[in-house]
Amino acid sequence: MTGRCLHEIFADRAAKAPDRIAVTCGAEEISYGDLDARSDRLACLLQAAGTGPGVLVGLCAERGIDLLAGLLAILKAGGAYVPIDPAYPAERIAYLLDDSGVGTVVTTSDVAGRLGGVPPDRIVLADAEPPEGRPVATARDEDLAYVIYTSGSTGAPKGVLVEHRNVVRLLERTEHWFGFGDDDVWTLFHSVSFDFSVWEIWGALLYGGRLVIVPAEVARSPEALRRLLVAEGVTVLNQTPSAFRHLVAADARQERPTPYRLRQVVFGGERLDVDLLGPWIARYGDDRPHLVNMYGITETTVHVTYRRVRAADLDHPELSPIGVPVPDLRLDVLDERGRPATTGNLHVSGPGLARGYLDRPELTAERFAVLPDGGRRYDSGDVVTRLPGGEYAYLGRSDDQIKVRGFRLEPREIELCLLGHPRVAHAVVTHRDYGEGDVRLLAFVVPDGEPGPDLTGQLTERAASRLPAHARPSTYHIVSEIPMTPQGKADRAALARSAQASSAAKVVQRIAEDVLERDEVPPRVDLFDLGATSLAMTRIIAQVNERFGLELTGRELEEEASVACLASCVEERLTVRG
């Protein structure tokens, strides 16, 4: 496949097996031959509109066959697709259209109305039936294939420029691990705005497999996804650990093991905590399907490393193993002074590196360093440790980036959105892990003057109109000041701890109400006066300890055995522990 474009390899597959089903979406399906012909016709329209090598074309469509036809058409016309999720707020869509500078957008009739500002004559409908025709082949493997936007520390998303050859070599260099074939059935679980979709789409279509598009409502329902995997005979499933955790829970609710055909489950997009796989391995073992953790970054073309996860890994839950690099990539672990280290910042070099960032030469130069031999090395911003035997384990971010449901977010982007409100003087966004992959964004806002009773509601509405769902804070805390670290930076960890402590009273009150079986327990009333026994108090303390990870004994309540006193103890211990 080396030296060829993605769409050229797909066309070869279509020519060899035109009747093979390429894409399934619910009751709809399309063969390789029909998808090839349909995307050819759309590509002719795009070329007539001026699309060619280096030309960026917007792609905005709901999950479905039209989306895949439009994507292929853009590549066949020689252009690069810029995915724009139609679920994004109007302001976000407008920003992506403006920043990318796309002159033409491929969309569908039901979505076109959301593309305000795009002239009707610059819209190509993927659900139309244009005349027969074949586009003129113009693209080469070093041309751009797509531009996917990731969150930016300057407050604005940045487009990552990825070429055809970046993706082709990814599949070539990993096929010895996976054995891709035309009998595989892949899911397109992720939005095309998330680069995990690149792996899903081309892992299927470059090898003659079948791609099952997971409807948005099914992707949000673990039980519906479980049924779809069985009904469609899916063999390759790609998941963020957070999403798979919910599938594991849905599966565990079944009396008997589910008759999956899965042979590979690939994790990516965020840190994998191996203990979440315990119930799955207990039920299905670790041999079929293979459980594979692949660390990766958009700037290095989806995946950087490979690690087969085994049952023995459950004995070391403190590690998040990411394994060995894809064979054509090099990993360097450097300390703060740029010297080789066992634990430090991960730098990646090799042919997986993207060109850089769209119209951001300074940022490109900063993150993609040019080496003395002319090669390039990307600073990932991730901290890893090198293990004996040449493998690596992931530790976390070296900066403030956050992973939420597989999406990488820069808090600054969200903060700038909130700072746009005229009554906000300062805003800091951090996150809190509520367990089992439930990571939520917390916004701390210092008002400019009196906040007024409706500031939180206004900020909620502002975020909803400007940010995608995964980038919106779950809660807003109005505070008088932001705590600082000794280095003069906002102390996000302290803020997260304060948010946890401030909710302690409500949690303790709910626990007391459940144990005492009372509709309401006043905060300052002695619990023994409400009928609590010594055994009941022991149960309350035990549940509080389990909820907050503490070791309270009950002696803390000798002077006042109330919810308020217990909550105060919790807050104090959390603050000291932090």
Protein backbone atom coordinates (compact mmCIF):
# COMPACT_ATOMS: atom_id res chain seq x y z
CA MET A 1 0.00 0.00 0.00
CA THR A 2 3.01 2.28 0.45
CA GLY A 3 3.11 5.25 -1.92
CA ARG A 4 -0.65 5.23 -2.49
CA CYS A 5 -3.54 7.35 -1.23
CA LEU A 6 -6.28 6.07 1.03
CA HIS A 7 -9.00 6.36 -1.59
CA GLU A 8 -6.87 4.59 -4.22
CA ILE A 9 -6.45 1.55 -1.99
CA PHE A 10 -10.18 1.60 -1.29
CA ALA A 11 -10.92 1.73 -5.04
CA ASP A 12 -8.75 -1.35 -5.56
CA ARG A 13 -10.76 -3.20 -2.94
CA ALA A 14 -13.97 -2.14 -4.65
CA ALA A 15 -12.72 -3.34 -8.02
CA LYS A 16 -11.77 -6.76 -6.65
CA ALA A 17 -15.00 -7.35 -4.70
CA PRO A 18 -17.65 -4.85 -5.85
CA ASP A 19 -20.54 -6.81 -4.34
CA ARG A 20 -19.03 -7.10 -0.87
CA ILE A 21 -20.86 -4.97 1.70
CA ALA A 22 -18.70 -2.03 2.73
CA VAL A 23 -20.86 -0.09 5.17
CA THR A 24 -23.91 -0.94 7.26
CA CYS A 25 -26.04 1.57 9.15
CA GLY A 26 -29.17 0.14 10.71
CA ALA A 27 -31.30 -1.34 7.95
CA GLU A 28 -29.22 0.38 5.25
CA GLU A 29 -26.15 -1.04 3.59
CA ILE A 30 -23.98 -0.27 0.59
CA SER A 31 -21.54 -2.41 -1.36
CA TYR A 32 -17.94 -1.53 -2.15
CA GLY A 33 -18.83 -1.07 -5.80
CA ASP A 34 -21.79 1.21 -5.13
CA LEU A 35 -19.90 3.26 -2.54
CA ASP A 36 -17.01 3.64 -4.97
CA ALA A 37 -19.28 4.81 -7.78
CA ARG A 38 -21.29 7.13 -5.56
CA SER A 39 -18.20 8.81 -4.13
CA ASP A 40 -16.78 9.13 -7.67
CA ARG A 41 -19.82 11.14 -8.76
CA LEU A 42 -19.63 13.42 -5.73
CA ALA A 43 -15.92 13.89 -6.31
CA CYS A 44 -16.63 15.19 -9.82
CA LEU A 45 -18.87 17.88 -8.35
CA LEU A 46 -16.17 18.83 -5.88
CA GLN A 47 -13.50 19.07 -8.56
CA ALA A 48 -15.82 21.27 -10.60
CA ALA A 49 -16.08 23.50 -7.50
CA GLY A 50 -12.30 23.83 -7.34
CA THR A 51 -11.29 21.03 -4.98
CA GLY A 52 -7.80 19.66 -5.49
CA PRO A 53 -4.60 18.84 -3.58
CA GLY A 54 -4.17 21.04 -0.52
CA VAL A 55 -7.76 22.31 -0.64
CA LEU A 56 -9.67 21.85 2.61
CA VAL A 57 -13.31 20.83 2.38
CA GLY A 58 -15.72 20.80 5.29
CA LEU A 59 -17.55 17.56 6.09
CA CYS A 60 -20.69 17.97 8.18
CA ALA A 61 -23.17 15.10 8.27
CA GLU A 62 -24.88 12.82 10.75
CA ARG A 63 -23.53 9.30 11.17
CA GLY A 64 -24.56 7.31 8.13
CA ILE A 65 -23.63 6.12 4.66
CA ASP A 66 -23.83 9.69 3.33
CA LEU A 67 -21.02 10.65 5.70
CA LEU A 68 -18.72 7.94 4.31
CA ALA A 69 -19.62 8.76 0.71
CA GLY A 70 -18.83 12.43 1.32
CA LEU A 71 -15.54 11.65 3.04
CA LEU A 72 -14.37 9.43 0.19
CA ALA A 73 -15.50 11.98 -2.39
CA ILE A 74 -13.39 14.72 -0.81
CA LEU A 75 -10.30 12.52 -0.93
CA LYS A 76 -11.00 11.39 -4.50
CA ALA A 77 -11.30 15.01 -5.58
CA GLY A 78 -7.79 15.53 -4.19
CA GLY A 79 -8.85 17.53 -1.14
CA ALA A 80 -8.61 17.03 2.60
CA TYR A 81 -11.69 16.72 4.78
CA VAL A 82 -12.31 18.90 7.83
CA PRO A 83 -14.84 17.05 10.02
CA ILE A 84 -17.46 19.25 11.69
CA ASP A 85 -19.84 17.46 14.02
CA PRO A 86 -23.39 18.72 13.35
CA ALA A 87 -24.10 18.31 17.08
CA TYR A 88 -21.69 21.16 17.85
CA PRO A 89 -23.18 24.53 18.88
CA ALA A 90 -23.66 27.02 16.07
CA GLU A 91 -20.81 29.21 17.32
CA ARG A 92 -18.41 26.26 17.34
CA ILE A 93 -19.40 25.29 13.81
CA ALA A 94 -18.90 28.90 12.68
CA TYR A 95 -15.44 28.98 14.26
CA LEU A 96 -14.32 25.77 12.53
CA LEU A 97 -15.59 26.97 9.18
CA ASP A 98 -13.84 30.31 9.58
CA ASP A 99 -10.55 29.08 11.03
CA SER A 100 -10.13 26.29 8.47
CA GLY A 101 -11.07 28.62 5.63
CA VAL A 102 -13.02 25.92 3.82
CA GLY A 103 -14.67 27.22 0.68
CA THR A 104 -16.88 24.18 0.13
CA VAL A 105 -18.76 21.97 2.56
CA VAL A 106 -20.07 18.46 1.94
CA THR A 107 -23.21 17.97 3.97
CA THR A 108 -26.71 16.53 3.77
CA SER A 109 -30.11 18.10 3.28
CA ASP A 110 -31.09 17.75 6.94
CA VAL A 111 -27.88 19.39 8.21
CA ALA A 112 -27.24 22.11 5.61
CA GLY A 113 -29.36 24.64 7.50
CA ARG A 114 -26.87 24.62 10.40
CA LEU A 115 -24.07 25.95 8.21
CA GLY A 116 -24.82 29.62 8.54
CA GLY A 117 -22.58 31.82 6.44
CA VAL A 118 -21.77 29.18 3.82
CA PRO A 119 -23.14 30.26 0.41
CA PRO A 120 -25.59 27.71 -1.00
CA ASP A 121 -23.50 27.31 -4.15
CA ARG A 122 -20.57 26.16 -1.99
CA ILE A 123 -22.52 23.28 -0.47
CA VAL A 124 -22.34 19.80 -2.02
CA LEU A 125 -25.03 17.43 -0.81
CA ALA A 126 -23.78 13.94 -0.03
CA ASP A 127 -27.33 12.61 -0.20
CA ALA A 128 -27.81 13.88 -3.79
CA GLU A 129 -27.54 11.74 -6.93
CA PRO A 130 -25.17 13.59 -9.26
CA PRO A 131 -24.58 12.45 -12.87
CA GLU A 132 -22.26 9.56 -13.63
CA GLY A 133 -18.59 10.36 -13.82
CA ARG A 134 -15.11 9.65 -12.53
CA PRO A 135 -12.85 12.29 -11.01
CA VAL A 136 -9.41 13.11 -12.33
CA ALA A 137 -6.75 11.53 -10.12
CA THR A 138 -4.67 14.39 -8.67
CA ALA A 139 -3.67 13.52 -5.10
CA ARG A 140 -0.39 11.96 -4.02
CA ASP A 141 0.40 10.19 -0.80
CA GLU A 142 2.18 13.26 0.63
CA ASP A 143 -0.95 15.37 0.19
CA LEU A 144 -3.27 16.16 3.09
CA ALA A 145 -6.02 13.68 3.90
CA TYR A 146 -7.73 15.46 6.80
CA VAL A 147 -7.52 18.27 9.33
CA ILE A 148 -8.89 17.34 12.74
CA TYR A 149 -9.23 20.03 15.41
CA THR A 150 -8.00 19.48 18.94
CA SER A 151 -8.40 21.76 21.93
CA GLY A 152 -5.90 24.61 22.13
CA SER A 153 -4.10 26.23 25.09
CA THR A 154 -4.65 29.67 23.54
CA GLY A 155 -8.37 29.22 24.01
CA ALA A 156 -9.08 28.27 20.40
CA PRO A 157 -9.06 24.77 18.86
CA LYS A 158 -6.17 24.08 16.49
CA GLY A 159 -6.28 22.04 13.29
CA VAL A 160 -3.81 19.15 12.92
CA LEU A 161 -2.61 18.50 9.35
CA VAL A 162 -2.41 14.78 8.52
CA GLU A 163 -1.32 13.29 5.18
CA HIS A 164 -2.43 10.13 3.38
CA ARG A 165 0.90 8.42 3.98
CA ASN A 166 0.68 9.04 7.72
CA VAL A 167 -2.45 6.88 7.86
CA VAL A 168 -1.40 4.24 5.33
CA ARG A 169 1.83 3.45 7.16
CA LEU A 170 -0.11 3.23 10.46
CA LEU A 171 -2.17 0.32 9.10
CA GLU A 172 0.80 -1.30 7.38
CA ARG A 173 2.99 -1.15 10.49
CA THR A 174 0.35 -2.61 12.80
CA GLU A 175 -1.24 -5.29 10.62
CA HIS A 176 1.19 -7.95 11.90
CA TRP A 177 -0.32 -7.48 15.36
CA PHE A 178 -3.96 -7.50 14.28
CA GLY A 179 -4.20 -9.61 11.12
CA PHE A 180 -6.67 -7.27 9.40
CA GLY A 181 -8.82 -9.08 6.85
CA ASP A 182 -11.90 -8.94 4.64
CA ASP A 183 -13.80 -11.10 7.11
CA ASP A 184 -13.54 -8.45 9.83
CA VAL A 185 -16.51 -6.37 10.95
CA TRP A 186 -15.53 -3.02 12.50
CA THR A 187 -17.68 -0.49 14.31
CA LEU A 188 -17.56 3.23 13.58
CA PHE A 189 -18.31 4.13 17.18
CA HIS A 190 -16.67 7.54 17.33
CA SER A 191 -17.41 10.88 15.74
CA VAL A 192 -15.31 11.68 12.67
CA SER A 193 -14.23 14.77 14.62
CA PHE A 194 -12.29 12.39 16.90
CA ASP A 195 -9.24 10.80 15.26
CA PHE A 196 -10.03 7.34 16.66
CA SER A 197 -12.51 7.25 13.75
CA VAL A 198 -9.60 7.31 11.28
CA TRP A 199 -8.44 3.95 12.61
CA GLU A 200 -11.98 2.55 12.53
CA ILE A 201 -12.83 3.67 8.99
CA TRP A 202 -9.63 2.68 7.23
CA GLY A 203 -8.99 -0.44 9.29
CA ALA A 204 -12.18 -1.75 7.69
CA LEU A 205 -12.18 -0.21 4.20
CA LEU A 206 -8.51 -0.71 3.28
CA TYR A 207 -8.77 -4.43 3.95
CA GLY A 208 -12.17 -5.23 2.48
CA GLY A 209 -13.92 -5.48 5.82
CA ARG A 210 -17.40 -4.26 6.75
CA LEU A 211 -17.87 -1.03 8.69
CA VAL A 212 -20.90 -0.88 11.00
CA ILE A 213 -21.89 2.69 11.79
CA VAL A 214 -23.07 2.91 15.38
CA PRO A 215 -26.04 5.32 15.64
CA ALA A 216 -25.56 8.09 18.20
CA GLU A 217 -28.36 6.78 20.40
CA VAL A 218 -26.79 3.30 20.44
CA ALA A 219 -23.35 4.71 21.27
CA ARG A 220 -24.93 6.31 24.34
CA SER A 221 -26.58 3.06 25.50
CA PRO A 222 -24.22 0.26 26.63
CA GLU A 223 -27.01 -2.30 26.50
CA ALA A 224 -27.99 -1.30 22.95
CA LEU A 225 -24.32 -1.46 21.94
CA ARG A 226 -24.03 -4.95 23.42
CA ARG A 227 -26.96 -6.11 21.32
CA LEU A 228 -25.56 -4.45 18.18
CA LEU A 229 -22.19 -6.17 18.61
CA VAL A 230 -23.91 -9.55 18.65
CA ALA A 231 -26.41 -8.83 15.88
CA GLU A 232 -23.78 -7.51 13.47
CA GLY A 233 -21.11 -10.06 14.38
CA VAL A 234 -18.55 -7.35 15.15
CA THR A 235 -14.96 -8.64 15.31
CA VAL A 236 -13.01 -5.41 15.96
CA LEU A 237 -14.27 -2.94 18.57
CA ASN A 238 -12.50 0.31 19.43
CA GLN A 239 -13.34 2.04 22.69
CA THR A 240 -12.16 4.64 25.12
CA PRO A 241 -11.76 2.98 28.54
CA SER A 242 -14.62 5.10 29.89
CA ALA A 243 -17.02 3.77 27.25
CA PHE A 244 -15.88 0.18 27.66
CA ARG A 245 -16.39 0.38 31.41
CA HIS A 246 -20.11 0.90 30.80
CA LEU A 247 -20.21 -1.98 28.30
CA VAL A 248 -18.55 -4.23 30.89
CA ALA A 249 -21.24 -3.27 33.41
CA ALA A 250 -24.04 -3.95 30.89
CA ASP A 251 -22.48 -7.30 30.04
CA ALA A 252 -22.17 -8.26 33.71
CA ARG A 253 -25.91 -7.80 34.15
CA GLN A 254 -26.50 -10.70 31.77
CA GLU A 255 -27.02 -14.08 33.40
CA ARG A 256 -24.80 -15.81 30.85
CA PRO A 257 -21.80 -14.66 28.82
CA THR A 258 -22.74 -12.84 25.62
CA PRO A 259 -21.98 -14.75 22.36
CA TYR A 260 -19.69 -12.09 20.87
CA ARG A 261 -17.60 -12.70 17.75
CA LEU A 262 -15.07 -10.15 18.94
CA ARG A 263 -11.43 -10.99 18.31
CA GLN A 264 -9.90 -7.56 19.06
CA VAL A 265 -10.92 -4.83 21.50
CA VAL A 266 -8.66 -1.79 21.08
CA PHE A 267 -8.47 0.91 23.74
CA GLY A 268 -7.33 4.46 23.09
CA GLY A 269 -8.11 8.11 23.67
CA GLU A 270 -7.40 8.18 27.40
CA ARG A 271 -5.58 6.41 30.22
CA LEU A 272 -6.46 2.74 30.67
CA ASP A 273 -6.73 1.60 34.28
CA VAL A 274 -6.38 -2.15 33.90
CA ASP A 275 -8.53 -2.99 36.90
CA LEU A 276 -11.63 -2.03 34.93
CA LEU A 277 -10.98 -5.15 32.79
CA GLY A 278 -11.17 -7.50 35.80
CA PRO A 279 -14.85 -8.47 35.42
CA TRP A 280 -14.48 -8.89 31.64
CA ILE A 281 -11.37 -11.10 31.92
CA ALA A 282 -13.03 -13.15 34.65
CA ARG A 283 -15.87 -13.89 32.24
CA TYR A 284 -14.14 -14.15 28.86
CA GLY A 285 -10.44 -14.56 29.62
CA ASP A 286 -7.74 -12.55 27.86
CA ASP A 287 -7.26 -14.62 24.70
CA ARG A 288 -10.44 -13.98 22.72
CA PRO A 289 -10.93 -11.20 22.25
CA HIS A 290 -7.44 -9.78 22.52
CA LEU A 291 -7.50 -6.69 24.73
CA VAL A 292 -5.11 -4.10 23.31
CA ASN A 293 -4.11 -0.74 24.74
CA MET A 294 -2.82 1.76 22.17
CA TYR A 295 -1.53 5.11 23.37
CA GLY A 296 -1.75 7.82 20.73
CA ILE A 297 -2.09 11.46 19.81
CA THR A 298 -3.78 13.25 16.91
CA GLU A 299 -0.44 14.87 16.02
CA THR A 300 1.19 11.45 15.62
CA THR A 301 -1.66 9.88 13.61
CA VAL A 302 -3.94 8.08 16.02
CA HIS A 303 -1.68 5.42 17.58
CA VAL A 304 1.90 5.42 18.83
CA THR A 305 2.20 2.21 20.87
CA TYR A 306 0.78 -1.30 21.19
CA ARG A 307 0.25 -3.37 24.32
CA ARG A 308 -1.64 -6.64 24.65
CA VAL A 309 -3.30 -6.63 28.08
CA ARG A 310 -3.22 -9.93 29.95
CA ALA A 311 -4.84 -11.23 33.12
CA ALA A 312 -1.47 -10.93 34.87
CA ASP A 313 -1.68 -7.15 34.46
CA LEU A 314 -4.49 -7.12 37.01
CA ASP A 315 -1.83 -7.84 39.63
CA HIS A 316 -0.31 -4.41 38.94
CA PRO A 317 -3.29 -2.00 38.88
CA GLU A 318 -1.02 0.95 39.59
CA LEU A 319 0.41 0.72 36.06
CA SER A 320 -1.23 1.87 32.85
CA PRO A 321 0.86 -0.11 30.35
CA ILE A 322 1.12 1.28 26.83
CA GLY A 323 3.68 -1.19 25.55
CA VAL A 324 6.09 -0.77 22.66
CA PRO A 325 6.15 1.78 19.84
CA VAL A 326 4.67 1.11 16.41
CA PRO A 327 7.74 -0.22 14.52
CA ASP A 328 8.43 2.89 12.43
CA LEU A 329 8.25 5.29 15.39
CA ARG A 330 10.87 6.23 17.96
CA LEU A 331 10.10 7.22 21.54
CA ASP A 332 12.40 9.39 23.64
CA VAL A 333 11.79 10.06 27.33
CA LEU A 334 13.37 13.35 28.39
CA ASP A 335 13.58 15.23 31.67
CA GLU A 336 12.88 18.95 32.11
CA ARG A 337 16.34 19.81 30.75
CA GLY A 338 15.94 17.65 27.66
CA ARG A 339 18.16 14.83 28.89
CA PRO A 340 17.29 11.11 28.52
CA ALA A 341 15.46 9.80 31.57
CA THR A 342 13.58 6.74 32.78
CA THR A 343 10.57 8.85 33.69
CA GLY A 344 9.78 12.08 31.91
CA ASN A 345 8.15 13.79 28.97
CA LEU A 346 7.47 11.60 25.93
CA HIS A 347 8.77 12.75 22.54
CA VAL A 348 7.82 10.93 19.34
CA SER A 349 9.63 10.88 16.01
CA GLY A 350 9.06 9.03 12.76
CA PRO A 351 6.73 8.98 9.74
CA GLY A 352 3.58 9.13 11.84
CA LEU A 353 4.13 12.80 12.66
CA ALA A 354 1.60 15.22 11.18
CA ARG A 355 2.77 18.24 9.20
CA GLY A 356 1.90 20.50 12.08
CA TYR A 357 -0.92 22.91 12.89
CA LEU A 358 -3.03 24.78 10.37
CA ASP A 359 -1.88 28.42 10.07
CA ARG A 360 0.04 28.24 13.38
CA PRO A 361 3.73 28.19 12.39
CA GLU A 362 5.01 29.27 15.81
CA LEU A 363 3.10 26.56 17.63
CA THR A 364 4.22 24.02 15.02
CA ALA A 365 7.85 25.02 15.55
CA GLU A 366 7.41 24.77 19.31
CA ARG A 367 5.87 21.28 19.37
CA PHE A 368 7.51 19.73 16.28
CA ALA A 369 11.23 20.23 16.84
CA VAL A 370 13.60 19.87 13.88
CA LEU A 371 16.50 17.56 14.74
CA PRO A 372 20.12 17.94 13.55
CA ASP A 373 19.67 15.11 11.03
CA GLY A 374 16.68 16.90 9.49
CA GLY A 375 14.09 14.70 11.14
CA ARG A 376 11.38 15.96 13.47
CA ARG A 377 10.34 15.11 17.00
CA TYR A 378 6.98 15.86 18.59
CA ASP A 379 6.68 16.90 22.23
CA SER A 380 3.60 15.02 23.44
CA GLY A 381 3.21 16.73 26.81
CA ASP A 382 2.58 13.28 28.30
CA VAL A 383 4.62 11.80 31.13
CA VAL A 384 5.62 8.14 30.82
CA THR A 385 8.04 5.77 32.46
CA ARG A 386 10.21 3.22 30.69
CA LEU A 387 9.81 -0.28 32.09
CA PRO A 388 12.32 -3.16 32.11
CA GLY A 389 12.19 -4.95 28.77
CA GLY A 390 11.63 -1.86 26.66
CA GLU A 391 7.94 -1.24 27.33
CA TYR A 392 6.40 2.00 28.58
CA ALA A 393 3.67 2.94 31.05
CA TYR A 394 1.58 6.10 30.95
CA LEU A 395 1.55 8.35 34.01
CA GLY A 396 -0.36 11.48 32.99
CA ARG A 397 -0.14 14.95 31.46
CA SER A 398 2.77 17.30 32.08
CA ASP A 399 0.46 20.28 31.58
CA ASP A 400 -3.14 20.98 32.44
CA GLN A 401 -4.84 19.11 29.62
CA ILE A 402 -7.82 16.97 30.56
CA LYS A 403 -9.22 13.83 28.93
CA VAL A 404 -13.03 13.63 29.05
CA ARG A 405 -14.69 10.64 27.35
CA GLY A 406 -11.68 10.33 25.09
CA PHE A 407 -11.62 13.98 24.03
CA ARG A 408 -8.52 15.97 24.89
CA LEU A 409 -9.44 19.36 26.31
CA GLU A 410 -7.48 22.46 27.19
CA PRO A 411 -9.13 24.10 30.23
CA ARG A 412 -8.09 27.49 28.86
CA GLU A 413 -10.47 27.16 25.94
CA ILE A 414 -13.40 26.70 28.33
CA GLU A 415 -12.15 29.42 30.66
CA LEU A 416 -12.01 31.97 27.85
CA CYS A 417 -15.58 31.12 26.95
CA LEU A 418 -16.69 31.91 30.51
CA LEU A 419 -14.53 35.04 30.68
CA GLY A 420 -16.49 36.38 27.74
CA HIS A 421 -19.40 36.96 30.12
CA PRO A 422 -19.36 40.61 31.26
CA ARG A 423 -19.89 39.71 34.94
CA VAL A 424 -16.97 37.26 35.16
CA ALA A 425 -13.61 38.59 36.38
CA HIS A 426 -11.73 35.30 36.64
CA ALA A 427 -12.48 31.68 35.72
CA VAL A 428 -10.60 28.44 36.24
CA VAL A 429 -11.73 25.05 34.96
CA THR A 430 -10.51 21.79 36.44
CA HIS A 431 -11.87 18.27 36.65
CA ARG A 432 -12.79 15.62 39.15
CA ASP A 433 -12.94 11.86 38.68
CA TYR A 434 -16.06 10.54 40.36
CA GLY A 435 -14.99 6.95 39.74
CA GLU A 436 -15.60 4.39 37.01
CA GLY A 437 -14.50 6.78 34.30
CA ASP A 438 -16.97 9.49 35.29
CA VAL A 439 -14.75 12.55 34.77
CA ARG A 440 -16.57 15.88 35.12
CA LEU A 441 -15.49 19.45 34.47
CA LEU A 442 -15.76 21.95 37.34
CA ALA A 443 -15.79 25.70 36.75
CA PHE A 444 -14.70 28.15 39.46
CA VAL A 445 -15.78 31.70 38.75
CA VAL A 446 -14.81 34.94 40.47
CA PRO A 447 -17.57 37.48 39.69
CA ASP A 448 -16.94 41.09 38.79
CA GLY A 449 -18.94 42.61 41.65
CA GLU A 450 -22.03 40.89 43.00
CA PRO A 451 -22.75 37.67 41.08
CA GLY A 452 -26.51 37.95 41.20
CA PRO A 453 -28.82 34.95 41.50
CA ASP A 454 -28.75 33.99 37.82
CA LEU A 455 -25.02 34.01 36.96
CA THR A 456 -24.70 30.22 37.07
CA GLY A 457 -27.66 29.81 34.74
CA GLN A 458 -26.29 32.37 32.32
CA LEU A 459 -22.89 30.66 32.24
CA THR A 460 -24.57 27.31 31.64
CA GLU A 461 -26.44 28.76 28.67
CA ARG A 462 -23.29 30.45 27.35
CA ALA A 463 -21.31 27.20 27.45
CA ALA A 464 -24.14 25.29 25.78
CA SER A 465 -24.21 27.75 22.88
CA ARG A 466 -20.45 27.82 22.32
CA LEU A 467 -18.90 24.52 23.42
CA PRO A 468 -19.47 20.87 22.47
CA ALA A 469 -21.19 18.77 25.12
CA HIS A 470 -17.99 17.11 26.36
CA ALA A 471 -16.38 20.53 26.99
CA ARG A 472 -19.15 22.01 29.17
CA PRO A 473 -18.67 22.24 32.95
CA SER A 474 -20.93 20.01 35.02
CA THR A 475 -21.00 22.41 37.95
CA TYR A 476 -20.21 26.08 38.59
CA HIS A 477 -18.74 27.34 41.86
CA ILE A 478 -18.94 31.07 42.55
CA VAL A 479 -15.87 31.95 44.65
CA SER A 480 -14.27 35.14 45.99
CA GLU A 481 -10.73 34.22 44.90
CA ILE A 482 -8.69 31.52 43.17
CA PRO A 483 -6.01 29.76 45.26
CA MET A 484 -2.49 29.86 43.82
CA THR A 485 0.46 27.48 43.84
CA PRO A 486 3.90 28.65 45.08
CA GLN A 487 4.80 29.07 41.40
CA GLY A 488 2.02 31.62 40.98
CA LYS A 489 -0.31 29.40 38.98
CA ALA A 490 -3.94 28.63 39.66
CA ASP A 491 -4.01 25.69 42.06
CA ARG A 492 -6.43 23.46 40.18
CA ALA A 493 -5.87 20.54 42.52
CA ALA A 494 -6.85 22.67 45.51
CA LEU A 495 -9.97 23.80 43.69
CA ALA A 496 -10.95 20.22 42.94
CA ARG A 497 -10.44 19.32 46.60
CA SER A 498 -12.52 22.28 47.75
CA ALA A 499 -15.33 21.21 45.43
CA GLN A 500 -15.21 17.73 46.91
CA ALA A 501 -15.20 19.12 50.44
CA SER A 502 -18.05 21.55 49.78
CA SER A 503 -20.26 18.67 48.71
CA ALA A 504 -19.43 16.65 51.84
CA ALA A 505 -22.35 17.96 53.88
CA LYS A 506 -24.92 16.89 51.28
CA VAL A 507 -23.34 13.46 50.89
CA VAL A 508 -23.13 12.89 54.64
CA GLN A 509 -26.72 14.03 55.04
CA ARG A 510 -27.93 11.57 52.38
CA ILE A 511 -26.02 8.73 54.02
CA ALA A 512 -27.53 9.54 57.44
CA GLU A 513 -31.03 9.75 55.95
CA ASP A 514 -30.62 6.37 54.25
CA VAL A 515 -29.27 4.62 57.35
CA LEU A 516 -31.84 6.17 59.71
CA GLU A 517 -34.61 5.79 57.11
CA ARG A 518 -35.71 9.39 57.58
CA ASP A 519 -36.90 11.79 54.87
CA GLU A 520 -34.76 14.57 56.33
CA VAL A 521 -31.96 14.81 58.88
CA PRO A 522 -31.34 18.40 60.07
CA PRO A 523 -27.60 19.24 59.90
CA ARG A 524 -27.22 20.41 63.53
CA VAL A 525 -29.43 17.87 65.34
CA ASP A 526 -27.71 15.12 67.34
CA LEU A 527 -28.15 11.86 65.43
CA PHE A 528 -28.78 9.91 68.63
CA ASP A 529 -31.71 12.23 69.33
CA LEU A 530 -33.12 11.14 65.97
CA GLY A 531 -33.02 7.48 66.96
CA ALA A 532 -29.52 6.49 65.89
CA THR A 533 -28.02 3.51 67.68
CA SER A 534 -24.33 2.71 68.09
CA LEU A 535 -24.65 0.19 65.25
CA ALA A 536 -26.35 2.80 63.04
CA MET A 537 -23.55 5.28 63.75
CA THR A 538 -20.99 2.62 62.83
CA ARG A 539 -22.76 2.07 59.51
CA ILE A 540 -22.87 5.83 58.83
CA ILE A 541 -19.14 6.23 59.56
CA ALA A 542 -18.30 3.20 57.41
CA GLN A 543 -20.26 4.52 54.44
CA VAL A 544 -18.70 7.99 54.79
CA ASN A 545 -15.22 6.42 54.88
CA GLU A 546 -15.98 4.33 51.81
CA ARG A 547 -17.39 7.32 49.91
CA PHE A 548 -14.46 9.64 50.65
CA GLY A 549 -11.61 7.19 51.11
CA LEU A 550 -11.08 8.16 54.77
CA GLU A 551 -10.47 6.34 58.06
CA LEU A 552 -12.73 8.13 60.53
CA THR A 553 -13.36 6.19 63.75
CA GLY A 554 -16.36 7.97 65.27
CA ARG A 555 -14.37 9.47 68.13
CA GLU A 556 -14.41 12.71 66.15
CA LEU A 557 -18.11 13.06 67.08
CA GLU A 558 -17.83 12.77 70.87
CA GLU A 559 -18.85 16.41 71.39
CA GLU A 560 -21.51 16.62 68.68
CA ALA A 561 -22.80 13.62 66.73
CA SER A 562 -24.41 15.64 63.95
CA VAL A 563 -24.28 15.69 60.16
CA ALA A 564 -22.65 19.13 60.28
CA CYS A 565 -19.89 17.93 62.60
CA LEU A 566 -19.24 14.78 60.55
CA ALA A 567 -19.15 16.80 57.33
CA SER A 568 -16.69 19.21 58.93
CA CYS A 569 -14.42 16.29 59.82
CA VAL A 570 -14.61 15.03 56.23
CA GLU A 571 -13.72 18.44 54.83
CA GLU A 572 -10.80 18.81 57.23
CA ARG A 573 -9.36 15.39 56.38
CA LEU A 574 -9.76 15.98 52.64
CA THR A 575 -7.95 19.30 52.90
CA VAL A 576 -5.09 17.81 54.93
CA ARG A 577 -4.81 14.81 52.59
CA GLY A 578 -4.63 17.12 49.57
